[in-house]
Amino acid sequence: MAEQDTRHTLTLPQFDKPVSLLFVVAPYYKDIADDLIAGAAATAERAGARWEVVEVPGALEIPTAVRLAHRQTDFDGYAALGCVIRGETTHYETVCNDSARGLMLLGLDGGCIGNAILTVETREQAVLRADPARGDKGGGAAAAALHLIALSRGWANRTRGIGFRTPEESGR
C-alpha cells in the first residue's frame, strides 16, 4: 500500500541574501547521523546555503543547543539530526516526546527548525530513513528549515496595523 502513496515535495526556496544553517547532531548512532548530515548538507548546498555542524551528547540536548544558538549566534535556521531506536524501557518515549516538544516550542517562538530526529522501532528503519538516496530525512529537515526561513524573511517587513482597515488598505 505504501508504494501507492503520492507525496509532494516543495521546490527549494530561492534567496536573495545569504542563508546560514546550523545542523545540531546527536551522533549516538554515528553512521546514521553521518547519513543525516550528508542529506542535510546536499540540500543546503542546492539552496546555496552555508552550514555548520555542532554535536551534542544526545537527542534531549538538541533543543537546548538550538536555543543557545538561536539566542547567541546569527544562524538563520537549524536542522535537528539524530536517532532514537526503541529499547526495552520507557526512556524511548521520554526522549522522543521531550525532544520533539522542545523543538516545537522553539519553532513557535520563531526558530526556523527542521526536525530529523528519527524515532524508530529498529535500526533497519533508521538506516533507510537516514540514507540520502532513499528516505533522506536529513535533507528534509534542511529543506523544512529553508522554507521557514523564506517565510520569515517574506513576512519580516509586514506590519499588523492597529484598528480596522478598509478593504483597499488590506489589499482585498
Protein backbone atom coordinates (compact mmCIF):
# COMPACT_ATOMS: atom_id res chain seq x y z
CA MET A 1 0.00 0.00 0.00
CA ALA A 2 2.84 2.44 0.80
CA GLU A 3 4.09 2.19 -2.79
CA GLN A 4 0.85 3.81 -3.93
CA ASP A 5 1.30 6.89 -1.75
CA THR A 6 1.77 10.11 -3.63
CA ARG A 7 3.90 12.66 -1.89
CA HIS A 8 4.51 16.23 -2.87
CA THR A 9 7.84 17.88 -2.10
CA LEU A 10 8.07 21.66 -2.26
CA THR A 11 10.67 23.19 -4.53
CA LEU A 12 13.52 24.67 -2.52
CA PRO A 13 13.13 28.40 -1.98
CA GLN A 14 15.37 30.96 -3.68
CA PHE A 15 17.17 33.55 -1.57
CA ASP A 16 18.47 36.99 -2.49
CA LYS A 17 20.60 37.22 0.69
CA PRO A 18 22.93 34.55 2.11
CA VAL A 19 21.43 31.85 4.33
CA SER A 20 23.22 30.02 7.12
CA LEU A 21 22.10 26.81 8.77
CA LEU A 22 23.31 25.03 11.87
CA PHE A 23 22.99 21.26 11.94
CA VAL A 24 22.67 20.15 15.56
CA VAL A 25 23.54 16.47 15.66
CA ALA A 26 23.33 13.76 18.31
CA PRO A 27 25.80 11.17 16.90
CA TYR A 28 24.90 8.28 19.22
CA TYR A 29 24.43 6.13 16.10
CA LYS A 30 27.33 7.65 14.16
CA ASP A 31 26.66 6.02 10.77
CA ILE A 32 23.03 7.13 10.84
CA ALA A 33 24.00 10.64 11.97
CA ASP A 34 26.57 10.85 9.16
CA ASP A 35 23.89 9.99 6.59
CA LEU A 36 21.54 12.60 8.07
CA ILE A 37 24.31 15.21 7.83
CA ALA A 38 25.11 14.22 4.25
CA GLY A 39 21.48 14.65 3.20
CA ALA A 40 21.12 17.96 5.02
CA ALA A 41 24.38 19.26 3.55
CA ALA A 42 23.39 18.33 0.00
CA THR A 43 20.05 20.12 0.37
CA ALA A 44 21.67 23.20 1.91
CA GLU A 45 24.20 23.35 -0.92
CA ARG A 46 21.46 23.05 -3.57
CA ALA A 47 19.81 26.10 -1.99
CA GLY A 48 23.11 27.99 -1.84
CA ALA A 49 23.15 27.99 1.97
CA ARG A 50 26.24 27.74 4.11
CA TRP A 51 26.14 25.32 7.00
CA GLU A 52 27.98 24.20 10.11
CA VAL A 53 27.69 21.16 12.34
CA VAL A 54 27.71 21.01 16.13
CA GLU A 55 27.45 17.76 18.07
CA VAL A 56 25.63 17.20 21.35
CA PRO A 57 25.56 14.10 23.57
CA GLY A 58 22.00 13.00 22.82
CA ALA A 59 18.62 13.87 21.35
CA LEU A 60 17.45 15.53 24.56
CA GLU A 61 20.27 18.07 24.26
CA ILE A 62 19.37 19.09 20.69
CA PRO A 63 16.63 21.60 21.64
CA THR A 64 18.90 23.24 24.23
CA ALA A 65 21.72 23.63 21.69
CA VAL A 66 19.30 25.08 19.12
CA ARG A 67 18.00 27.53 21.72
CA LEU A 68 21.53 28.62 22.67
CA ALA A 69 22.45 29.12 19.03
CA HIS A 70 19.20 30.96 18.29
CA ARG A 71 19.87 33.41 21.13
CA GLN A 72 23.62 33.82 20.74
CA THR A 73 24.50 33.41 17.04
CA ASP A 74 23.46 34.64 13.63
CA PHE A 75 22.26 31.37 12.09
CA ASP A 76 19.07 31.73 10.09
CA GLY A 77 17.80 28.22 10.74
CA TYR A 78 18.52 24.83 12.22
CA ALA A 79 18.30 21.16 11.35
CA ALA A 80 17.91 18.80 14.30
CA LEU A 81 19.55 15.49 13.40
CA GLY A 82 19.66 12.31 15.44
CA CYS A 83 18.14 8.91 16.01
CA VAL A 84 16.25 7.23 18.83
CA ILE A 85 15.64 3.48 18.50
CA ARG A 86 13.08 1.85 20.77
CA GLY A 87 14.62 -0.17 23.57
CA GLU A 88 13.24 -2.18 26.44
CA THR A 89 12.38 0.75 28.72
CA THR A 90 10.15 3.80 28.66
CA HIS A 91 13.19 6.03 28.10
CA TYR A 92 12.35 5.93 24.37
CA GLU A 93 9.03 7.73 24.88
CA THR A 94 10.63 10.36 27.09
CA VAL A 95 13.40 11.13 24.61
CA CYS A 96 11.09 11.14 21.58
CA ASN A 97 8.37 13.25 23.15
CA ASP A 98 10.54 15.74 25.00
CA SER A 99 12.97 16.40 22.15
CA ALA A 100 10.08 16.93 19.72
CA ARG A 101 8.23 19.13 22.20
CA GLY A 102 11.33 21.22 22.83
CA LEU A 103 11.87 21.79 19.11
CA MET A 104 8.20 22.63 18.58
CA LEU A 105 8.26 25.22 21.35
CA LEU A 106 11.37 26.81 19.84
CA GLY A 107 9.68 26.88 16.45
CA LEU A 108 6.60 28.52 17.89
CA ASP A 109 8.94 31.10 19.41
CA GLY A 110 10.30 32.00 15.96
CA GLY A 111 13.05 29.47 15.33
CA CYS A 112 13.25 28.09 11.78
CA ILE A 113 13.83 24.44 12.61
CA GLY A 114 13.64 21.25 10.59
CA ASN A 115 13.34 18.09 12.69
CA ALA A 116 15.09 14.89 11.64
CA ILE A 117 15.39 13.23 15.00
CA LEU A 118 14.40 9.79 13.76
CA THR A 119 12.15 7.87 16.16
CA VAL A 120 12.08 4.28 15.01
CA GLU A 121 11.45 0.74 16.14
CA THR A 122 14.52 -0.82 14.51
CA ARG A 123 17.99 0.08 13.29
CA GLU A 124 16.98 -1.00 9.78
CA GLN A 125 14.19 1.59 9.74
CA ALA A 126 16.66 4.28 10.79
CA VAL A 127 19.19 3.31 8.11
CA LEU A 128 16.54 3.55 5.39
CA ARG A 129 15.20 6.89 6.62
CA ALA A 130 18.65 8.45 7.02
CA ASP A 131 20.07 7.31 3.67
CA PRO A 132 20.28 10.37 1.38
CA ALA A 133 19.43 8.20 -1.63
CA ARG A 134 16.31 6.73 -0.02
CA GLY A 135 14.50 8.38 2.89
CA ASP A 136 16.72 11.47 3.05
CA LYS A 137 15.23 12.74 6.32
CA GLY A 138 18.31 14.91 6.88
CA GLY A 139 17.67 16.62 3.56
CA GLY A 140 14.03 17.01 4.53
CA ALA A 141 15.00 18.73 7.78
CA ALA A 142 17.28 21.17 5.97
CA ALA A 143 14.54 21.85 3.40
CA ALA A 144 11.99 22.48 6.17
CA ALA A 145 14.32 24.99 7.83
CA LEU A 146 14.94 26.71 4.48
CA HIS A 147 11.20 27.01 3.79
CA LEU A 148 10.61 28.50 7.23
CA ILE A 149 13.47 30.97 6.70
CA ALA A 150 11.87 32.01 3.39
CA LEU A 151 8.52 32.54 5.13
CA SER A 152 10.14 34.52 7.92
CA ARG A 153 12.06 36.74 5.52
CA GLY A 154 8.98 37.25 3.37
CA TRP A 155 6.97 38.43 6.34
CA ALA A 156 9.75 40.42 8.04
CA ASN A 157 8.66 43.84 6.77
CA ARG A 158 4.92 43.40 7.15
CA THR A 159 3.13 45.16 9.96
CA ARG A 160 -0.02 44.16 11.73
CA GLY A 161 -1.57 47.58 11.94
CA ILE A 162 -3.86 48.79 14.66
CA GLY A 163 -7.62 49.01 14.39
CA PHE A 164 -9.67 48.50 11.29
CA ARG A 165 -8.55 48.76 7.69
CA THR A 166 -10.64 49.35 4.63
CA PRO A 167 -10.63 46.56 2.03
CA GLU A 168 -8.43 48.77 -0.19
CA GLU A 169 -5.87 49.21 2.59
CA SER A 170 -5.72 45.50 3.25
CA GLY A 171 -5.28 44.64 -0.45
CA ARG A 172 -8.63 42.94 -0.95
